[in-house]
């Protein structure tokens, strides 16, 4: 029973951390009560490898094909 309580506490702490990250550092704002925690979260987010949003040429080509098909059928 104690293990279940500890597991639930850990889960709730993780959920609170994710909620705080989404509410503040993810949007570029600082945590009002604990700025050190926001800075640590921002550093951790910068350290994680992510994909840069780039325009995909295939998306533009697909849109052109769909547009030309739609006008040709009408």
PDB file of N, CA and C in Angstrom:
ATOM      1  N   UNK A   1       0.821  -1.194   0.000  1.00  0.00           N
ATOM      2  CA  UNK A   1       0.000   0.000   0.000  1.00  0.00           C
ATOM      3  C   UNK A   1       0.867   1.260   0.000  1.00  0.00           C
ATOM      4  N   UNK A   2       1.972   1.194   0.726  1.00  0.00           N
ATOM      5  CA  UNK A   2       2.875   2.340   0.771  1.00  0.00           C
ATOM      6  C   UNK A   2       3.479   2.604  -0.605  1.00  0.00           C
ATOM      7  N   UNK A   3       3.792   1.550  -1.321  1.00  0.00           N
ATOM      8  CA  UNK A   3       4.366   1.704  -2.664  1.00  0.00           C
ATOM      9  C   UNK A   3       3.368   2.387  -3.590  1.00  0.00           C
ATOM     10  N   UNK A   4       2.096   2.061  -3.456  1.00  0.00           N
ATOM     11  CA  UNK A   4       1.071   2.698  -4.288  1.00  0.00           C
ATOM     12  C   UNK A   4       0.986   4.191  -3.991  1.00  0.00           C
ATOM     13  N   UNK A   5       1.061   4.566  -2.720  1.00  0.00           N
ATOM     14  CA  UNK A   5       1.022   5.986  -2.357  1.00  0.00           C
ATOM     15  C   UNK A   5       2.253   6.726  -2.891  1.00  0.00           C
ATOM     16  N   UNK A   6       3.399   6.117  -2.785  1.00  0.00           N
ATOM     17  CA  UNK A   6       4.628   6.744  -3.288  1.00  0.00           C
ATOM     18  C   UNK A   6       4.565   6.879  -4.805  1.00  0.00           C
ATOM     19  N   UNK A   7       4.104   5.846  -5.478  1.00  0.00           N
ATOM     20  CA  UNK A   7       3.974   5.910  -6.937  1.00  0.00           C
ATOM     21  C   UNK A   7       3.003   7.010  -7.341  1.00  0.00           C
ATOM     22  N   UNK A   8       1.880   7.123  -6.627  1.00  0.00           N
ATOM     23  CA  UNK A   8       0.904   8.169  -6.942  1.00  0.00           C
ATOM     24  C   UNK A   8       1.494   9.556  -6.706  1.00  0.00           C
ATOM     25  N   UNK A   9       2.261   9.716  -5.648  1.00  0.00           N
ATOM     26  CA  UNK A   9       2.903  10.995  -5.368  1.00  0.00           C
ATOM     27  C   UNK A   9       3.892  11.361  -6.469  1.00  0.00           C
ATOM     28  N   UNK A  10       4.677  10.398  -6.922  1.00  0.00           N
ATOM     29  CA  UNK A  10       5.630  10.645  -8.013  1.00  0.00           C
ATOM     30  C   UNK A  10       4.887  11.034  -9.287  1.00  0.00           C
ATOM     31  N   UNK A  11       3.803  10.337  -9.585  1.00  0.00           N
ATOM     32  CA  UNK A  11       3.009  10.650 -10.782  1.00  0.00           C
ATOM     33  C   UNK A  11       2.446  12.060 -10.699  1.00  0.00           C
ATOM     34  N   UNK A  12       1.923  12.442  -9.536  1.00  0.00           N
ATOM     35  CA  UNK A  12       1.372  13.789  -9.370  1.00  0.00           C
ATOM     36  C   UNK A  12       2.453  14.861  -9.485  1.00  0.00           C
ATOM     37  N   UNK A  13       3.646  14.591  -8.975  1.00  0.00           N
ATOM     38  CA  UNK A  13       4.744  15.552  -9.110  1.00  0.00           C
ATOM     39  C   UNK A  13       5.159  15.726 -10.569  1.00  0.00           C
ATOM     40  N   UNK A  14       5.203  14.637 -11.304  1.00  0.00           N
ATOM     41  CA  UNK A  14       5.532  14.724 -12.731  1.00  0.00           C
ATOM     42  C   UNK A  14       4.457  15.516 -13.468  1.00  0.00           C
ATOM     43  N   UNK A  15       3.197  15.254 -13.154  1.00  0.00           N
ATOM     44  CA  UNK A  15       2.099  15.993 -13.795  1.00  0.00           C
ATOM     45  C   UNK A  15       2.174  17.480 -13.478  1.00  0.00           C
ATOM     46  N   UNK A  16       2.486  17.812 -12.238  1.00  0.00           N
ATOM     47  CA  UNK A  16       2.618  19.220 -11.858  1.00  0.00           C
ATOM     48  C   UNK A  16       3.774  19.872 -12.613  1.00  0.00           C
ATOM     49  N   UNK A  17       4.883  19.160 -12.758  1.00  0.00           N
ATOM     50  CA  UNK A  17       6.017  19.700 -13.508  1.00  0.00           C
ATOM     51  C   UNK A  17       5.681  19.945 -14.965  1.00  0.00           C
ATOM     52  N   UNK A  18       4.977  19.010 -15.583  1.00  0.00           N
ATOM     53  CA  UNK A  18       4.570  19.187 -16.985  1.00  0.00           C
ATOM     54  C   UNK A  18       3.605  20.357 -17.104  1.00  0.00           C
ATOM     55  N   UNK A  19       2.660  20.453 -16.177  1.00  0.00           N
ATOM     56  CA  UNK A  19       1.705  21.567 -16.200  1.00  0.00           C
ATOM     57  C   UNK A  19       2.395  22.909 -16.049  1.00  0.00           C
ATOM     58  N   UNK A  20       3.344  22.996 -15.140  1.00  0.00           N
ATOM     59  CA  UNK A  20       4.094  24.244 -14.971  1.00  0.00           C
ATOM     60  C   UNK A  20       4.912  24.572 -16.209  1.00  0.00           C
ATOM     61  N   UNK A  21       5.517  23.562 -16.822  1.00  0.00           N
ATOM     62  CA  UNK A  21       6.320  23.813 -18.019  1.00  0.00           C
ATOM     63  C   UNK A  21       5.459  24.331 -19.159  1.00  0.00           C
ATOM     64  N   UNK A  22       4.290  23.735 -19.341  1.00  0.00           N
ATOM     65  CA  UNK A  22       3.407  24.157 -20.430  1.00  0.00           C
ATOM     66  C   UNK A  22       2.855  25.550 -20.156  1.00  0.00           C
ATOM     67  N   UNK A  23       2.584  25.856 -18.900  1.00  0.00           N
ATOM     68  CA  UNK A  23       1.984  27.140 -18.555  1.00  0.00           C
ATOM     69  C   UNK A  23       2.974  28.299 -18.631  1.00  0.00           C
ATOM     70  N   UNK A  24       4.243  28.064 -18.359  1.00  0.00           N
ATOM     71  CA  UNK A  24       5.171  29.188 -18.280  1.00  0.00           C
ATOM     72  C   UNK A  24       6.370  29.093 -19.227  1.00  0.00           C
ATOM     73  N   UNK A  25       7.411  28.281 -18.943  1.00  0.00           N
ATOM     74  CA  UNK A  25       8.625  28.328 -19.774  1.00  0.00           C
ATOM     75  C   UNK A  25       8.401  27.974 -21.238  1.00  0.00           C
ATOM     76  N   UNK A  26       7.463  27.089 -21.530  1.00  0.00           N
ATOM     77  CA  UNK A  26       7.202  26.712 -22.919  1.00  0.00           C
ATOM     78  C   UNK A  26       6.736  27.917 -23.729  1.00  0.00           C
ATOM     79  N   UNK A  27       6.047  28.867 -23.083  1.00  0.00           N
ATOM     80  CA  UNK A  27       5.564  30.070 -23.763  1.00  0.00           C
ATOM     81  C   UNK A  27       6.542  31.224 -23.641  1.00  0.00           C
ATOM     82  N   UNK A  28       7.693  30.998 -23.008  1.00  0.00           N
ATOM     83  CA  UNK A  28       8.705  32.043 -22.888  1.00  0.00           C
ATOM     84  C   UNK A  28       8.515  32.935 -21.678  1.00  0.00           C
ATOM     85  N   UNK A  29       7.688  32.555 -20.732  1.00  0.00           N
ATOM     86  CA  UNK A  29       7.465  33.350 -19.528  1.00  0.00           C
ATOM     87  C   UNK A  29       8.183  32.706 -18.350  1.00  0.00           C
ATOM     88  N   UNK A  30       8.378  33.505 -17.291  1.00  0.00           N
ATOM     89  CA  UNK A  30       9.048  32.994 -16.098  1.00  0.00           C
ATOM     90  C   UNK A  30       8.020  32.540 -15.073  1.00  0.00           C
ATOM     91  N   UNK A  31       8.406  31.547 -14.290  1.00  0.00           N
ATOM     92  CA  UNK A  31       7.559  31.118 -13.175  1.00  0.00           C
ATOM     93  C   UNK A  31       7.582  32.209 -12.106  1.00  0.00           C
ATOM     94  N   UNK A  32       6.440  32.714 -11.681  1.00  0.00           N
ATOM     95  CA  UNK A  32       6.442  33.818 -10.724  1.00  0.00           C
ATOM     96  C   UNK A  32       6.971  33.429  -9.336  1.00  0.00           C
ATOM     97  N   UNK A  33       6.691  32.237  -8.863  1.00  0.00           N
ATOM     98  CA  UNK A  33       7.076  31.860  -7.500  1.00  0.00           C
ATOM     99  C   UNK A  33       8.488  31.279  -7.422  1.00  0.00           C
ATOM    100  N   UNK A  34       8.946  30.642  -8.477  1.00  0.00           N
ATOM    101  CA  UNK A  34      10.256  29.980  -8.452  1.00  0.00           C
ATOM    102  C   UNK A  34      10.970  30.193  -9.781  1.00  0.00           C
ATOM    103  N   UNK A  35      11.598  31.365  -9.962  1.00  0.00           N
ATOM    104  CA  UNK A  35      12.278  31.616 -11.237  1.00  0.00           C
ATOM    105  C   UNK A  35      13.412  30.631 -11.511  1.00  0.00           C
ATOM    106  N   UNK A  36      14.048  30.118 -10.480  1.00  0.00           N
ATOM    107  CA  UNK A  36      15.129  29.146 -10.668  1.00  0.00           C
ATOM    108  C   UNK A  36      14.608  27.863 -11.296  1.00  0.00           C
ATOM    109  N   UNK A  37      13.386  27.487 -10.955  1.00  0.00           N
ATOM    110  CA  UNK A  37      12.802  26.279 -11.532  1.00  0.00           C
ATOM    111  C   UNK A  37      12.489  26.490 -13.013  1.00  0.00           C
ATOM    112  N   UNK A  38      11.986  27.683 -13.350  1.00  0.00           N
ATOM    113  CA  UNK A  38      11.716  27.995 -14.751  1.00  0.00           C
ATOM    114  C   UNK A  38      12.982  28.002 -15.588  1.00  0.00           C
ATOM    115  N   UNK A  39      14.058  28.550 -15.027  1.00  0.00           N
ATOM    116  CA  UNK A  39      15.331  28.562 -15.748  1.00  0.00           C
ATOM    117  C   UNK A  39      15.857  27.140 -15.948  1.00  0.00           C
ATOM    118  N   UNK A  40      15.707  26.302 -14.926  1.00  0.00           N
ATOM    119  CA  UNK A  40      16.155  24.907 -15.048  1.00  0.00           C
ATOM    120  C   UNK A  40      15.340  24.175 -16.105  1.00  0.00           C
ATOM    121  N   UNK A  41      14.036  24.425 -16.143  1.00  0.00           N
ATOM    122  CA  UNK A  41      13.186  23.789 -17.158  1.00  0.00           C
ATOM    123  C   UNK A  41      13.548  24.274 -18.556  1.00  0.00           C
ATOM    124  N   UNK A  42      13.835  25.567 -18.695  1.00  0.00           N
ATOM    125  CA  UNK A  42      14.206  26.106 -20.001  1.00  0.00           C
ATOM    126  C   UNK A  42      15.532  25.510 -20.471  1.00  0.00           C
ATOM    127  N   UNK A  43      16.496  25.370 -19.554  1.00  0.00           N
ATOM    128  CA  UNK A  43      17.777  24.751 -19.921  1.00  0.00           C
ATOM    129  C   UNK A  43      17.579  23.303 -20.338  1.00  0.00           C
ATOM    130  N   UNK A  44      16.727  22.594 -19.621  1.00  0.00           N
ATOM    131  CA  UNK A  44      16.466  21.194 -19.966  1.00  0.00           C
ATOM    132  C   UNK A  44      15.789  21.094 -21.328  1.00  0.00           C
ATOM    133  N   UNK A  45      14.866  22.000 -21.612  1.00  0.00           N
ATOM    134  CA  UNK A  45      14.181  21.980 -22.909  1.00  0.00           C
ATOM    135  C   UNK A  45      15.141  22.315 -24.041  1.00  0.00           C
ATOM    136  N   UNK A  46      16.091  23.214 -23.790  1.00  0.00           N
ATOM    137  CA  UNK A  46      17.071  23.561 -24.819  1.00  0.00           C
ATOM    138  C   UNK A  46      18.058  22.421 -25.059  1.00  0.00           C
ATOM    139  N   UNK A  47      18.299  21.604 -24.043  1.00  0.00           N
ATOM    140  CA  UNK A  47      19.257  20.509 -24.173  1.00  0.00           C
ATOM    141  C   UNK A  47      18.688  19.322 -24.940  1.00  0.00           C
ATOM    142  N   UNK A  48      17.375  19.209 -24.985  1.00  0.00           N
ATOM    143  CA  UNK A  48      16.742  18.072 -25.663  1.00  0.00           C
ATOM    144  C   UNK A  48      16.743  18.323 -27.169  1.00  0.00           C
ATOM    145  N   UNK A  49      17.188  17.354 -27.967  1.00  0.00           N
ATOM    146  CA  UNK A  49      17.171  17.560 -29.422  1.00  0.00           C
ATOM    147  C   UNK A  49      15.739  17.591 -29.954  1.00  0.00           C
ATOM    148  N   UNK A  50      15.468  18.562 -30.796  1.00  0.00           N
ATOM    149  CA  UNK A  50      14.143  18.691 -31.405  1.00  0.00           C
ATOM    150  C   UNK A  50      14.290  18.900 -32.904  1.00  0.00           C
ATOM    151  N   UNK A  51      13.221  18.716 -33.616  1.00  0.00           N
ATOM    152  CA  UNK A  51      13.205  18.982 -35.048  1.00  0.00           C
ATOM    153  C   UNK A  51      12.833  20.433 -35.282  1.00  0.00           C
ATOM    154  N   UNK A  52      13.552  21.086 -36.168  1.00  0.00           N
ATOM    155  CA  UNK A  52      13.218  22.456 -36.515  1.00  0.00           C
ATOM    156  C   UNK A  52      12.061  22.450 -37.498  1.00  0.00           C
ATOM    157  N   UNK A  53      11.088  23.322 -37.285  1.00  0.00           N
ATOM    158  CA  UNK A  53       9.992  23.378 -38.255  1.00  0.00           C
ATOM    159  C   UNK A  53      10.489  23.997 -39.563  1.00  0.00           C
ATOM    160  N   UNK A  54      10.436  23.233 -40.608  1.00  0.00           N
ATOM    161  CA  UNK A  54      10.878  23.702 -41.919  1.00  0.00           C
ATOM    162  C   UNK A  54       9.753  23.504 -42.911  1.00  0.00           C
ATOM    163  N   UNK A  55       9.738  24.342 -43.901  1.00  0.00           N
ATOM    164  CA  UNK A  55       8.752  24.158 -44.960  1.00  0.00           C
ATOM    165  C   UNK A  55       9.148  22.945 -45.782  1.00  0.00           C
ATOM    166  N   UNK A  56       8.247  22.066 -45.958  1.00  0.00           N
ATOM    167  CA  UNK A  56       8.508  20.857 -46.723  1.00  0.00           C
ATOM    168  C   UNK A  56       8.069  21.099 -48.159  1.00  0.00           C
ATOM    169  N   UNK A  57       8.990  20.904 -49.100  1.00  0.00           N
ATOM    170  CA  UNK A  57       8.657  21.142 -50.508  1.00  0.00           C
ATOM    171  C   UNK A  57       7.560  20.202 -50.982  1.00  0.00           C
ATOM    172  N   UNK A  58       7.523  19.009 -50.415  1.00  0.00           N
ATOM    173  CA  UNK A  58       6.488  18.064 -50.825  1.00  0.00           C
ATOM    174  C   UNK A  58       5.098  18.577 -50.480  1.00  0.00           C
ATOM    175  N   UNK A  59       4.966  19.301 -49.376  1.00  0.00           N
ATOM    176  CA  UNK A  59       3.665  19.848 -49.010  1.00  0.00           C
ATOM    177  C   UNK A  59       3.196  20.861 -50.048  1.00  0.00           C
ATOM    178  N   UNK A  60       4.108  21.705 -50.515  1.00  0.00           N
ATOM    179  CA  UNK A  60       3.743  22.695 -51.524  1.00  0.00           C
ATOM    180  C   UNK A  60       3.388  22.014 -52.840  1.00  0.00           C
ATOM    181  N   UNK A  61       4.161  20.991 -53.206  1.00  0.00           N
ATOM    182  CA  UNK A  61       3.864  20.265 -54.449  1.00  0.00           C
ATOM    183  C   UNK A  61       2.516  19.562 -54.362  1.00  0.00           C
ATOM    184  N   UNK A  62       2.231  18.960 -53.236  1.00  0.00           N
ATOM    185  CA  UNK A  62       0.945  18.280 -53.054  1.00  0.00           C
ATOM    186  C   UNK A  62      -0.197  19.278 -53.125  1.00  0.00           C
ATOM    187  N   UNK A  63      -0.034  20.421 -52.503  1.00  0.00           N
ATOM    188  CA  UNK A  63      -1.081  21.446 -52.545  1.00  0.00           C
ATOM    189  C   UNK A  63      -1.299  21.927 -53.975  1.00  0.00           C
ATOM    190  N   UNK A  64      -0.212  22.093 -54.738  1.00  0.00           N
ATOM    191  CA  UNK A  64      -0.349  22.516 -56.135  1.00  0.00           C
ATOM    192  C   UNK A  64      -1.088  21.466 -56.953  1.00  0.00           C
ATOM    193  N   UNK A  65      -0.740  20.200 -56.748  1.00  0.00           N
ATOM    194  CA  UNK A  65      -1.417  19.133 -57.498  1.00  0.00           C
ATOM    195  C   UNK A  65      -2.893  19.061 -57.149  1.00  0.00           C
ATOM    196  N   UNK A  66      -3.203  19.161 -55.884  1.00  0.00           N
ATOM    197  CA  UNK A  66      -4.603  19.094 -55.472  1.00  0.00           C
ATOM    198  C   UNK A  66      -5.388  20.288 -55.998  1.00  0.00           C
ATOM    199  N   UNK A  67      -4.763  21.453 -56.004  1.00  0.00           N
ATOM    200  CA  UNK A  67      -5.437  22.652 -56.502  1.00  0.00           C
ATOM    201  C   UNK A  67      -5.660  22.552 -58.002  1.00  0.00           C
ATOM    202  N   UNK A  68      -4.657  22.074 -58.738  1.00  0.00           N
ATOM    203  CA  UNK A  68      -4.812  21.976 -60.191  1.00  0.00           C
ATOM    204  C   UNK A  68      -5.825  20.896 -60.555  1.00  0.00           C
ATOM    205  N   UNK A  69      -5.887  19.820 -59.790  1.00  0.00           N
ATOM    206  CA  UNK A  69      -6.892  18.788 -60.046  1.00  0.00           C
ATOM    207  C   UNK A  69      -8.288  19.305 -59.768  1.00  0.00           C
ATOM    208  N   UNK A  70      -8.408  20.043 -58.685  1.00  0.00           N
ATOM    209  CA  UNK A  70      -9.723  20.565 -58.320  1.00  0.00           C
ATOM    210  C   UNK A  70     -10.258  21.535 -59.354  1.00  0.00           C
ATOM    211  N   UNK A  71      -9.384  22.354 -59.947  1.00  0.00           N
ATOM    212  CA  UNK A  71      -9.848  23.313 -60.951  1.00  0.00           C
ATOM    213  C   UNK A  71     -10.064  22.633 -62.295  1.00  0.00           C
ATOM    214  N   UNK A  72      -9.295  21.563 -62.584  1.00  0.00           N
ATOM    215  CA  UNK A  72      -9.453  20.877 -63.868  1.00  0.00           C
ATOM    216  C   UNK A  72     -10.753  20.080 -63.912  1.00  0.00           C
ATOM    217  N   UNK A  73     -11.191  19.574 -62.787  1.00  0.00           N
ATOM    218  CA  UNK A  73     -12.406  18.772 -62.764  1.00  0.00           C
ATOM    219  C   UNK A  73     -13.659  19.624 -62.846  1.00  0.00           C
ATOM    220  N   UNK A  74     -13.586  20.867 -62.491  1.00  0.00           N
ATOM    221  CA  UNK A  74     -14.780  21.724 -62.480  1.00  0.00           C
ATOM    222  C   UNK A  74     -15.119  22.236 -63.814  1.00  0.00           C
TER     223      UNK A  74
END
